[in-house]
Amino acid sequence: MALTREFKETIQARVRADRPFRDALLREGVEHMLSGDVESGKAVLRDYIKATVGFKQLGAATGASAKSLIRMFGPRGNPQARNLFAVISHLQCEAGLTLHVTAQPQ
């Protein structure tokens, strides 16, 4: 199901206004990636990027073109680890967060 423009705008407004929500969204995107749900992770991170730094600024900071990043986080995108980790590193810095991986028994 495609998200409506109104829903996306609502999420973006909340990200801008609600710091705990913004931080949780970044964490959720990375957690999806780590759990193997790459499609959901890309979608969450795409929304996060749009609502925070934007693809143009992110591209300038990571050395990738905005167009390349948009494709990378699109439904058919296949991010290389180097690019993905550069993006996550920059997003953490911008957010003032440091994400950590913790092993938990299944």
PDB file of N, CA and C in Angstrom:
ATOM      1  N   MET A   1       0.829  -1.168   0.000  1.00  0.00           N
ATOM      2  CA  MET A   1       0.000   0.000   0.000  1.00  0.00           C
ATOM      3  C   MET A   1       0.885   1.246   0.000  1.00  0.00           C
ATOM      4  N   ALA A   2       0.659   2.134  -0.927  1.00  0.00           N
ATOM      5  CA  ALA A   2       1.430   3.362  -1.027  1.00  0.00           C
ATOM      6  C   ALA A   2       0.969   4.354   0.042  1.00  0.00           C
ATOM      7  N   LEU A   3       1.928   5.088   0.567  1.00  0.00           N
ATOM      8  CA  LEU A   3       1.590   6.097   1.558  1.00  0.00           C
ATOM      9  C   LEU A   3       1.089   7.352   0.852  1.00  0.00           C
ATOM     10  N   THR A   4       0.115   7.993   1.450  1.00  0.00           N
ATOM     11  CA  THR A   4      -0.404   9.222   0.858  1.00  0.00           C
ATOM     12  C   THR A   4       0.530  10.380   1.165  1.00  0.00           C
ATOM     13  N   ARG A   5       0.436  11.406   0.357  1.00  0.00           N
ATOM     14  CA  ARG A   5       1.257  12.599   0.570  1.00  0.00           C
ATOM     15  C   ARG A   5       0.969  13.188   1.951  1.00  0.00           C
ATOM     16  N   GLU A   6      -0.299  13.204   2.357  1.00  0.00           N
ATOM     17  CA  GLU A   6      -0.670  13.767   3.654  1.00  0.00           C
ATOM     18  C   GLU A   6       0.007  13.003   4.790  1.00  0.00           C
ATOM     19  N   PHE A   7       0.051  11.672   4.700  1.00  0.00           N
ATOM     20  CA  PHE A   7       0.690  10.863   5.734  1.00  0.00           C
ATOM     21  C   PHE A   7       2.178  11.186   5.805  1.00  0.00           C
ATOM     22  N   LYS A   8       2.836  11.240   4.644  1.00  0.00           N
ATOM     23  CA  LYS A   8       4.270  11.538   4.616  1.00  0.00           C
ATOM     24  C   LYS A   8       4.551  12.916   5.196  1.00  0.00           C
ATOM     25  N   GLU A   9       3.715  13.882   4.875  1.00  0.00           N
ATOM     26  CA  GLU A   9       3.900  15.235   5.411  1.00  0.00           C
ATOM     27  C   GLU A   9       3.698  15.255   6.922  1.00  0.00           C
ATOM     28  N   THR A  10       2.753  14.456   7.412  1.00  0.00           N
ATOM     29  CA  THR A  10       2.521  14.357   8.850  1.00  0.00           C
ATOM     30  C   THR A  10       3.737  13.778   9.554  1.00  0.00           C
ATOM     31  N   ILE A  11       4.306  12.723   8.984  1.00  0.00           N
ATOM     32  CA  ILE A  11       5.508  12.106   9.564  1.00  0.00           C
ATOM     33  C   ILE A  11       6.654  13.114   9.564  1.00  0.00           C
ATOM     34  N   GLN A  12       6.848  13.807   8.459  1.00  0.00           N
ATOM     35  CA  GLN A  12       7.939  14.775   8.369  1.00  0.00           C
ATOM     36  C   GLN A  12       7.759  15.896   9.388  1.00  0.00           C
ATOM     37  N   ALA A  13       6.539  16.367   9.565  1.00  0.00           N
ATOM     38  CA  ALA A  13       6.293  17.424  10.551  1.00  0.00           C
ATOM     39  C   ALA A  13       6.594  16.926  11.961  1.00  0.00           C
ATOM     40  N   ARG A  14       6.219  15.684  12.244  1.00  0.00           N
ATOM     41  CA  ARG A  14       6.479  15.144  13.578  1.00  0.00           C
ATOM     42  C   ARG A  14       7.967  14.947  13.810  1.00  0.00           C
ATOM     43  N   VAL A  15       8.685  14.494  12.791  1.00  0.00           N
ATOM     44  CA  VAL A  15      10.136  14.313  12.912  1.00  0.00           C
ATOM     45  C   VAL A  15      10.797  15.643  13.258  1.00  0.00           C
ATOM     46  N   ARG A  16      10.351  16.698  12.614  1.00  0.00           N
ATOM     47  CA  ARG A  16      10.943  18.018  12.855  1.00  0.00           C
ATOM     48  C   ARG A  16      10.621  18.557  14.248  1.00  0.00           C
ATOM     49  N   ALA A  17       9.450  18.194  14.787  1.00  0.00           N
ATOM     50  CA  ALA A  17       8.990  18.772  16.042  1.00  0.00           C
ATOM     51  C   ALA A  17       9.253  17.905  17.278  1.00  0.00           C
ATOM     52  N   ASP A  18       9.493  16.625  17.098  1.00  0.00           N
ATOM     53  CA  ASP A  18       9.538  15.687  18.216  1.00  0.00           C
ATOM     54  C   ASP A  18      10.858  14.917  18.209  1.00  0.00           C
ATOM     55  N   ARG A  19      11.796  15.385  18.992  1.00  0.00           N
ATOM     56  CA  ARG A  19      13.146  14.784  19.015  1.00  0.00           C
ATOM     57  C   ARG A  19      13.142  13.294  19.370  1.00  0.00           C
ATOM     58  N   PRO A  20      12.431  12.864  20.419  1.00  0.00           N
ATOM     59  CA  PRO A  20      12.416  11.423  20.721  1.00  0.00           C
ATOM     60  C   PRO A  20      11.859  10.590  19.559  1.00  0.00           C
ATOM     61  N   PHE A  21      10.842  11.091  18.880  1.00  0.00           N
ATOM     62  CA  PHE A  21      10.296  10.386  17.723  1.00  0.00           C
ATOM     63  C   PHE A  21      11.331  10.314  16.613  1.00  0.00           C
ATOM     64  N   ARG A  22      12.023  11.420  16.369  1.00  0.00           N
ATOM     65  CA  ARG A  22      13.062  11.474  15.333  1.00  0.00           C
ATOM     66  C   ARG A  22      14.168  10.467  15.634  1.00  0.00           C
ATOM     67  N   ASP A  23      14.637  10.437  16.864  1.00  0.00           N
ATOM     68  CA  ASP A  23      15.690   9.498  17.247  1.00  0.00           C
ATOM     69  C   ASP A  23      15.220   8.052  17.112  1.00  0.00           C
ATOM     70  N   ALA A  24      13.972   7.789  17.506  1.00  0.00           N
ATOM     71  CA  ALA A  24      13.419   6.432  17.405  1.00  0.00           C
ATOM     72  C   ALA A  24      13.293   6.001  15.944  1.00  0.00           C
ATOM     73  N   LEU A  25      12.972   6.932  15.065  1.00  0.00           N
ATOM     74  CA  LEU A  25      12.846   6.607  13.650  1.00  0.00           C
ATOM     75  C   LEU A  25      14.195   6.192  13.068  1.00  0.00           C
ATOM     76  N   LEU A  26      15.250   6.906  13.406  1.00  0.00           N
ATOM     77  CA  LEU A  26      16.587   6.541  12.943  1.00  0.00           C
ATOM     78  C   LEU A  26      16.969   5.163  13.483  1.00  0.00           C
ATOM     79  N   ARG A  27      16.746   4.962  14.755  1.00  0.00           N
ATOM     80  CA  ARG A  27      17.067   3.675  15.378  1.00  0.00           C
ATOM     81  C   ARG A  27      16.267   2.541  14.721  1.00  0.00           C
ATOM     82  N   GLU A  28      14.992   2.779  14.451  1.00  0.00           N
ATOM     83  CA  GLU A  28      14.148   1.760  13.832  1.00  0.00           C
ATOM     84  C   GLU A  28      14.638   1.399  12.432  1.00  0.00           C
ATOM     85  N   GLY A  29      15.032   2.404  11.654  1.00  0.00           N
ATOM     86  CA  GLY A  29      15.532   2.131  10.314  1.00  0.00           C
ATOM     87  C   GLY A  29      16.764   1.236  10.344  1.00  0.00           C
ATOM     88  N   VAL A  30      17.680   1.542  11.231  1.00  0.00           N
ATOM     89  CA  VAL A  30      18.903   0.743  11.352  1.00  0.00           C
ATOM     90  C   VAL A  30      18.582  -0.651  11.879  1.00  0.00           C
ATOM     91  N   GLU A  31      17.684  -0.752  12.848  1.00  0.00           N
ATOM     92  CA  GLU A  31      17.314  -2.059  13.387  1.00  0.00           C
ATOM     93  C   GLU A  31      16.675  -2.944  12.318  1.00  0.00           C
ATOM     94  N   HIS A  32      15.845  -2.367  11.463  1.00  0.00           N
ATOM     95  CA  HIS A  32      15.267  -3.147  10.358  1.00  0.00           C
ATOM     96  C   HIS A  32      16.381  -3.702   9.472  1.00  0.00           C
ATOM     97  N   MET A  33      17.341  -2.864   9.146  1.00  0.00           N
ATOM     98  CA  MET A  33      18.459  -3.303   8.304  1.00  0.00           C
ATOM     99  C   MET A  33      19.203  -4.459   8.964  1.00  0.00           C
ATOM    100  N   LEU A  34      19.515  -4.303  10.239  1.00  0.00           N
ATOM    101  CA  LEU A  34      20.278  -5.328  10.950  1.00  0.00           C
ATOM    102  C   LEU A  34      19.511  -6.641  11.084  1.00  0.00           C
ATOM    103  N   SER A  35      18.191  -6.566  11.129  1.00  0.00           N
ATOM    104  CA  SER A  35      17.400  -7.787  11.265  1.00  0.00           C
ATOM    105  C   SER A  35      17.146  -8.466   9.923  1.00  0.00           C
ATOM    106  N   GLY A  36      17.626  -7.848   8.835  1.00  0.00           N
ATOM    107  CA  GLY A  36      17.467  -8.448   7.517  1.00  0.00           C
ATOM    108  C   GLY A  36      16.299  -7.911   6.722  1.00  0.00           C
ATOM    109  N   ASP A  37      15.519  -7.009   7.291  1.00  0.00           N
ATOM    110  CA  ASP A  37      14.387  -6.401   6.588  1.00  0.00           C
ATOM    111  C   ASP A  37      14.870  -5.112   5.919  1.00  0.00           C
ATOM    112  N   VAL A  38      15.652  -5.301   4.870  1.00  0.00           N
ATOM    113  CA  VAL A  38      16.305  -4.180   4.189  1.00  0.00           C
ATOM    114  C   VAL A  38      15.277  -3.229   3.570  1.00  0.00           C
ATOM    115  N   GLU A  39      14.212  -3.764   2.997  1.00  0.00           N
ATOM    116  CA  GLU A  39      13.214  -2.910   2.351  1.00  0.00           C
ATOM    117  C   GLU A  39      12.569  -1.950   3.346  1.00  0.00           C
ATOM    118  N   SER A  40      12.174  -2.459   4.502  1.00  0.00           N
ATOM    119  CA  SER A  40      11.573  -1.593   5.520  1.00  0.00           C
ATOM    120  C   SER A  40      12.603  -0.600   6.049  1.00  0.00           C
ATOM    121  N   GLY A  41      13.824  -1.064   6.259  1.00  0.00           N
ATOM    122  CA  GLY A  41      14.884  -0.182   6.734  1.00  0.00           C
ATOM    123  C   GLY A  41      15.139   0.961   5.775  1.00  0.00           C
ATOM    124  N   LYS A  42      15.199   0.658   4.475  1.00  0.00           N
ATOM    125  CA  LYS A  42      15.408   1.715   3.476  1.00  0.00           C
ATOM    126  C   LYS A  42      14.256   2.711   3.490  1.00  0.00           C
ATOM    127  N   ALA A  43      13.034   2.215   3.602  1.00  0.00           N
ATOM    128  CA  ALA A  43      11.858   3.094   3.594  1.00  0.00           C
ATOM    129  C   ALA A  43      11.864   4.028   4.803  1.00  0.00           C
ATOM    130  N   VAL A  44      12.173   3.492   5.974  1.00  0.00           N
ATOM    131  CA  VAL A  44      12.204   4.308   7.188  1.00  0.00           C
ATOM    132  C   VAL A  44      13.332   5.332   7.094  1.00  0.00           C
ATOM    133  N   LEU A  45      14.506   4.900   6.668  1.00  0.00           N
ATOM    134  CA  LEU A  45      15.627   5.830   6.546  1.00  0.00           C
ATOM    135  C   LEU A  45      15.373   6.885   5.472  1.00  0.00           C
ATOM    136  N   ARG A  46      14.709   6.526   4.389  1.00  0.00           N
ATOM    137  CA  ARG A  46      14.363   7.495   3.341  1.00  0.00           C
ATOM    138  C   ARG A  46      13.475   8.603   3.922  1.00  0.00           C
ATOM    139  N   ASP A  47      12.456   8.212   4.685  1.00  0.00           N
ATOM    140  CA  ASP A  47      11.584   9.206   5.320  1.00  0.00           C
ATOM    141  C   ASP A  47      12.364  10.061   6.320  1.00  0.00           C
ATOM    142  N   TYR A  48      13.240   9.416   7.063  1.00  0.00           N
ATOM    143  CA  TYR A  48      14.054  10.138   8.048  1.00  0.00           C
ATOM    144  C   TYR A  48      14.946  11.172   7.353  1.00  0.00           C
ATOM    145  N   ILE A  49      15.595  10.758   6.291  1.00  0.00           N
ATOM    146  CA  ILE A  49      16.498  11.660   5.550  1.00  0.00           C
ATOM    147  C   ILE A  49      15.724  12.846   4.990  1.00  0.00           C
ATOM    148  N   LYS A  50      14.571  12.568   4.370  1.00  0.00           N
ATOM    149  CA  LYS A  50      13.759  13.645   3.798  1.00  0.00           C
ATOM    150  C   LYS A  50      13.349  14.664   4.855  1.00  0.00           C
ATOM    151  N   ALA A  51      13.051  14.191   6.062  1.00  0.00           N
ATOM    152  CA  ALA A  51      12.562  15.072   7.117  1.00  0.00           C
ATOM    153  C   ALA A  51      13.672  15.771   7.896  1.00  0.00           C
ATOM    154  N   THR A  52      14.905  15.319   7.727  1.00  0.00           N
ATOM    155  CA  THR A  52      15.995  15.917   8.512  1.00  0.00           C
ATOM    156  C   THR A  52      16.998  16.609   7.594  1.00  0.00           C
ATOM    157  N   VAL A  53      18.058  15.941   7.212  1.00  0.00           N
ATOM    158  CA  VAL A  53      19.142  16.576   6.460  1.00  0.00           C
ATOM    159  C   VAL A  53      18.839  16.783   4.988  1.00  0.00           C
ATOM    160  N   GLY A  54      18.000  15.954   4.411  1.00  0.00           N
ATOM    161  CA  GLY A  54      17.724  16.029   2.978  1.00  0.00           C
ATOM    162  C   GLY A  54      18.813  15.331   2.178  1.00  0.00           C
ATOM    163  N   PHE A  55      18.446  14.880   0.998  1.00  0.00           N
ATOM    164  CA  PHE A  55      19.378  14.113   0.173  1.00  0.00           C
ATOM    165  C   PHE A  55      20.516  14.958  -0.387  1.00  0.00           C
ATOM    166  N   LYS A  56      20.263  16.222  -0.668  1.00  0.00           N
ATOM    167  CA  LYS A  56      21.312  17.086  -1.223  1.00  0.00           C
ATOM    168  C   LYS A  56      22.439  17.291  -0.205  1.00  0.00           C
ATOM    169  N   GLN A  57      22.067  17.651   1.016  1.00  0.00           N
ATOM    170  CA  GLN A  57      23.076  17.858   2.069  1.00  0.00           C
ATOM    171  C   GLN A  57      23.769  16.546   2.427  1.00  0.00           C
ATOM    172  N   LEU A  58      23.014  15.467   2.477  1.00  0.00           N
ATOM    173  CA  LEU A  58      23.595  14.161   2.784  1.00  0.00           C
ATOM    174  C   LEU A  58      24.602  13.754   1.717  1.00  0.00           C
ATOM    175  N   GLY A  59      24.263  14.018   0.460  1.00  0.00           N
ATOM    176  CA  GLY A  59      25.182  13.711  -0.634  1.00  0.00           C
ATOM    177  C   GLY A  59      26.480  14.490  -0.516  1.00  0.00           C
ATOM    178  N   ALA A  60      26.365  15.773  -0.207  1.00  0.00           N
ATOM    179  CA  ALA A  60      27.562  16.602  -0.047  1.00  0.00           C
ATOM    180  C   ALA A  60      28.442  16.090   1.098  1.00  0.00           C
ATOM    181  N   ALA A  61      27.813  15.637   2.164  1.00  0.00           N
ATOM    182  CA  ALA A  61      28.565  15.170   3.333  1.00  0.00           C
ATOM    183  C   ALA A  61      29.204  13.811   3.120  1.00  0.00           C
ATOM    184  N   THR A  62      28.589  12.969   2.288  1.00  0.00           N
ATOM    185  CA  THR A  62      29.095  11.607   2.108  1.00  0.00           C
ATOM    186  C   THR A  62      29.859  11.409   0.807  1.00  0.00           C
ATOM    187  N   GLY A  63      29.855  12.417  -0.052  1.00  0.00           N
ATOM    188  CA  GLY A  63      30.560  12.299  -1.324  1.00  0.00           C
ATOM    189  C   GLY A  63      29.771  11.563  -2.391  1.00  0.00           C
ATOM    190  N   ALA A  64      28.490  11.376  -2.173  1.00  0.00           N
ATOM    191  CA  ALA A  64      27.621  10.728  -3.157  1.00  0.00           C
ATOM    192  C   ALA A  64      26.656  11.769  -3.712  1.00  0.00           C
ATOM    193  N   SER A  65      26.186  11.546  -4.912  1.00  0.00           N
ATOM    194  CA  SER A  65      25.215  12.486  -5.463  1.00  0.00           C
ATOM    195  C   SER A  65      23.854  12.252  -4.811  1.00  0.00           C
ATOM    196  N   ALA A  66      23.070  13.315  -4.722  1.00  0.00           N
ATOM    197  CA  ALA A  66      21.729  13.196  -4.148  1.00  0.00           C
ATOM    198  C   ALA A  66      20.908  12.189  -4.939  1.00  0.00           C
ATOM    199  N   LYS A  67      21.045  12.215  -6.254  1.00  0.00           N
ATOM    200  CA  LYS A  67      20.295  11.297  -7.110  1.00  0.00           C
ATOM    201  C   LYS A  67      20.668   9.850  -6.800  1.00  0.00           C
ATOM    202  N   SER A  68      21.935   9.598  -6.594  1.00  0.00           N
ATOM    203  CA  SER A  68      22.417   8.258  -6.259  1.00  0.00           C
ATOM    204  C   SER A  68      21.834   7.790  -4.921  1.00  0.00           C
ATOM    205  N   LEU A  69      21.800   8.689  -3.954  1.00  0.00           N
ATOM    206  CA  LEU A  69      21.254   8.345  -2.644  1.00  0.00           C
ATOM    207  C   LEU A  69      19.753   8.078  -2.714  1.00  0.00           C
ATOM    208  N   ILE A  70      19.055   8.871  -3.498  1.00  0.00           N
ATOM    209  CA  ILE A  70      17.615   8.659  -3.664  1.00  0.00           C
ATOM    210  C   ILE A  70      17.358   7.280  -4.256  1.00  0.00           C
ATOM    211  N   ARG A  71      18.140   6.910  -5.260  1.00  0.00           N
ATOM    212  CA  ARG A  71      18.007   5.568  -5.851  1.00  0.00           C
ATOM    213  C   ARG A  71      18.364   4.485  -4.839  1.00  0.00           C
ATOM    214  N   MET A  72      19.422   4.716  -4.083  1.00  0.00           N
ATOM    215  CA  MET A  72      19.901   3.737  -3.113  1.00  0.00           C
ATOM    216  C   MET A  72      18.825   3.407  -2.083  1.00  0.00           C
ATOM    217  N   PHE A  73      18.069   4.408  -1.644  1.00  0.00           N
ATOM    218  CA  PHE A  73      17.046   4.195  -0.634  1.00  0.00           C
ATOM    219  C   PHE A  73      15.661   3.979  -1.241  1.00  0.00           C
ATOM    220  N   GLY A  74      15.587   3.905  -2.557  1.00  0.00           N
ATOM    221  CA  GLY A  74      14.328   3.624  -3.244  1.00  0.00           C
ATOM    222  C   GLY A  74      13.985   2.154  -3.171  1.00  0.00           C
ATOM    223  N   PRO A  75      12.782   1.799  -3.606  1.00  0.00           N
ATOM    224  CA  PRO A  75      12.316   0.411  -3.514  1.00  0.00           C
ATOM    225  C   PRO A  75      13.210  -0.604  -4.226  1.00  0.00           C
ATOM    226  N   ARG A  76      13.853  -0.207  -5.305  1.00  0.00           N
ATOM    227  CA  ARG A  76      14.716  -1.147  -6.033  1.00  0.00           C
ATOM    228  C   ARG A  76      16.199  -0.911  -5.759  1.00  0.00           C
ATOM    229  N   GLY A  77      16.504  -0.016  -4.837  1.00  0.00           N
ATOM    230  CA  GLY A  77      17.889   0.293  -4.514  1.00  0.00           C
ATOM    231  C   GLY A  77      18.584  -0.853  -3.809  1.00  0.00           C
ATOM    232  N   ASN A  78      19.885  -0.941  -4.032  1.00  0.00           N
ATOM    233  CA  ASN A  78      20.691  -1.984  -3.414  1.00  0.00           C
ATOM    234  C   ASN A  78      21.970  -1.328  -2.881  1.00  0.00           C
ATOM    235  N   PRO A  79      21.886  -0.733  -1.687  1.00  0.00           N
ATOM    236  CA  PRO A  79      23.035   0.016  -1.178  1.00  0.00           C
ATOM    237  C   PRO A  79      24.239  -0.869  -0.889  1.00  0.00           C
ATOM    238  N   GLN A  80      25.405  -0.380  -1.286  1.00  0.00           N
ATOM    239  CA  GLN A  80      26.645  -1.062  -0.908  1.00  0.00           C
ATOM    240  C   GLN A  80      26.933  -0.731   0.550  1.00  0.00           C
ATOM    241  N   ALA A  81      27.557  -1.644   1.234  1.00  0.00           N
ATOM    242  CA  ALA A  81      27.841  -1.462   2.660  1.00  0.00           C
ATOM    243  C   ALA A  81      28.607  -0.171   2.909  1.00  0.00           C
ATOM    244  N   ARG A  82      29.597   0.129   2.093  1.00  0.00           N
ATOM    245  CA  ARG A  82      30.406   1.338   2.279  1.00  0.00           C
ATOM    246  C   ARG A  82      29.517   2.584   2.272  1.00  0.00           C
ATOM    247  N   ASN A  83      28.615   2.663   1.298  1.00  0.00           N
ATOM    248  CA  ASN A  83      27.736   3.822   1.195  1.00  0.00           C
ATOM    249  C   ASN A  83      26.724   3.861   2.336  1.00  0.00           C
ATOM    250  N   LEU A  84      26.177   2.708   2.665  1.00  0.00           N
ATOM    251  CA  LEU A  84      25.184   2.640   3.733  1.00  0.00           C
ATOM    252  C   LEU A  84      25.790   3.066   5.068  1.00  0.00           C
ATOM    253  N   PHE A  85      26.982   2.576   5.374  1.00  0.00           N
ATOM    254  CA  PHE A  85      27.610   2.939   6.643  1.00  0.00           C
ATOM    255  C   PHE A  85      28.035   4.400   6.673  1.00  0.00           C
ATOM    256  N   ALA A  86      28.421   4.950   5.545  1.00  0.00           N
ATOM    257  CA  ALA A  86      28.745   6.379   5.484  1.00  0.00           C
ATOM    258  C   ALA A  86      27.501   7.205   5.784  1.00  0.00           C
ATOM    259  N   VAL A  87      26.371   6.795   5.228  1.00  0.00           N
ATOM    260  CA  VAL A  87      25.110   7.500   5.474  1.00  0.00           C
ATOM    261  C   VAL A  87      24.719   7.395   6.943  1.00  0.00           C
ATOM    262  N   ILE A  88      24.744   6.189   7.492  1.00  0.00           N
ATOM    263  CA  ILE A  88      24.359   5.993   8.893  1.00  0.00           C
ATOM    264  C   ILE A  88      25.285   6.780   9.817  1.00  0.00           C
ATOM    265  N   SER A  89      26.563   6.777   9.520  1.00  0.00           N
ATOM    266  CA  SER A  89      27.515   7.537  10.330  1.00  0.00           C
ATOM    267  C   SER A  89      27.178   9.023  10.318  1.00  0.00           C
ATOM    268  N   HIS A  90      26.899   9.552   9.148  1.00  0.00           N
ATOM    269  CA  HIS A  90      26.562  10.984   9.062  1.00  0.00           C
ATOM    270  C   HIS A  90      25.239  11.281   9.769  1.00  0.00           C
ATOM    271  N   LEU A  91      24.251  10.419   9.604  1.00  0.00           N
ATOM    272  CA  LEU A  91      22.958  10.650  10.255  1.00  0.00           C
ATOM    273  C   LEU A  91      23.103  10.637  11.779  1.00  0.00           C
ATOM    274  N   GLN A  92      23.941   9.750  12.297  1.00  0.00           N
ATOM    275  CA  GLN A  92      24.198   9.728  13.741  1.00  0.00           C
ATOM    276  C   GLN A  92      24.813  11.040  14.202  1.00  0.00           C
ATOM    277  N   CYS A  93      25.805  11.516  13.457  1.00  0.00           N
ATOM    278  CA  CYS A  93      26.462  12.777  13.818  1.00  0.00           C
ATOM    279  C   CYS A  93      25.476  13.933  13.815  1.00  0.00           C
ATOM    280  N   GLU A  94      24.664  14.008  12.769  1.00  0.00           N
ATOM    281  CA  GLU A  94      23.669  15.076  12.660  1.00  0.00           C
ATOM    282  C   GLU A  94      22.663  15.021  13.805  1.00  0.00           C
ATOM    283  N   ALA A  95      22.301  13.810  14.214  1.00  0.00           N
ATOM    284  CA  ALA A  95      21.304  13.633  15.276  1.00  0.00           C
ATOM    285  C   ALA A  95      21.914  13.759  16.672  1.00  0.00           C
ATOM    286  N   GLY A  96      23.244  13.708  16.760  1.00  0.00           N
ATOM    287  CA  GLY A  96      23.891  13.737  18.061  1.00  0.00           C
ATOM    288  C   GLY A  96      23.714  12.423  18.808  1.00  0.00           C
ATOM    289  N   LEU A  97      23.628  11.338  18.049  1.00  0.00           N
ATOM    290  CA  LEU A  97      23.428  10.005  18.618  1.00  0.00           C
ATOM    291  C   LEU A  97      24.594   9.096  18.278  1.00  0.00           C
ATOM    292  N   THR A  98      24.772   8.073  19.086  1.00  0.00           N
ATOM    293  CA  THR A  98      25.670   6.983  18.755  1.00  0.00           C
ATOM    294  C   THR A  98      24.884   5.694  18.948  1.00  0.00           C
ATOM    295  N   LEU A  99      24.655   4.994  17.857  1.00  0.00           N
ATOM    296  CA  LEU A  99      23.919   3.726  17.933  1.00  0.00           C
ATOM    297  C   LEU A  99      24.900   2.599  18.202  1.00  0.00           C
ATOM    298  N   HIS A 100      24.468   1.630  19.034  1.00  0.00           N
ATOM    299  CA  HIS A 100      25.298   0.483  19.385  1.00  0.00           C
ATOM    300  C   HIS A 100      24.525  -0.803  19.090  1.00  0.00           C
ATOM    301  N   VAL A 101      25.258  -1.814  18.699  1.00  0.00           N
ATOM    302  CA  VAL A 101      24.674  -3.130  18.467  1.00  0.00           C
ATOM    303  C   VAL A 101      24.852  -3.941  19.741  1.00  0.00           C
ATOM    304  N   THR A 102      23.779  -4.580  20.189  1.00  0.00           N
ATOM    305  CA  THR A 102      23.835  -5.418  21.370  1.00  0.00           C
ATOM    306  C   THR A 102      23.352  -6.813  20.993  1.00  0.00           C
ATOM    307  N   ALA A 103      24.123  -7.809  21.350  1.00  0.00           N
ATOM    308  CA  ALA A 103      23.730  -9.192  21.065  1.00  0.00           C
ATOM    309  C   ALA A 103      22.704  -9.648  22.092  1.00  0.00           C
ATOM    310  N   GLN A 104      21.644 -10.267  21.584  1.00  0.00           N
ATOM    311  CA  GLN A 104      20.611 -10.813  22.455  1.00  0.00           C
ATOM    312  C   GLN A 104      20.312 -12.240  22.002  1.00  0.00           C
ATOM    313  N   PRO A 105      20.189 -13.165  22.942  1.00  0.00           N
ATOM    314  CA  PRO A 105      19.847 -14.533  22.551  1.00  0.00           C
ATOM    315  C   PRO A 105      18.459 -14.577  21.926  1.00  0.00           C
ATOM    316  N   GLN A 106      18.281 -15.470  20.959  1.00  0.00           N
ATOM    317  CA  GLN A 106      16.975 -15.568  20.298  1.00  0.00           C
ATOM    318  C   GLN A 106      16.047 -16.468  21.022  1.00  0.00           C
TER     319      GLN A 106
END
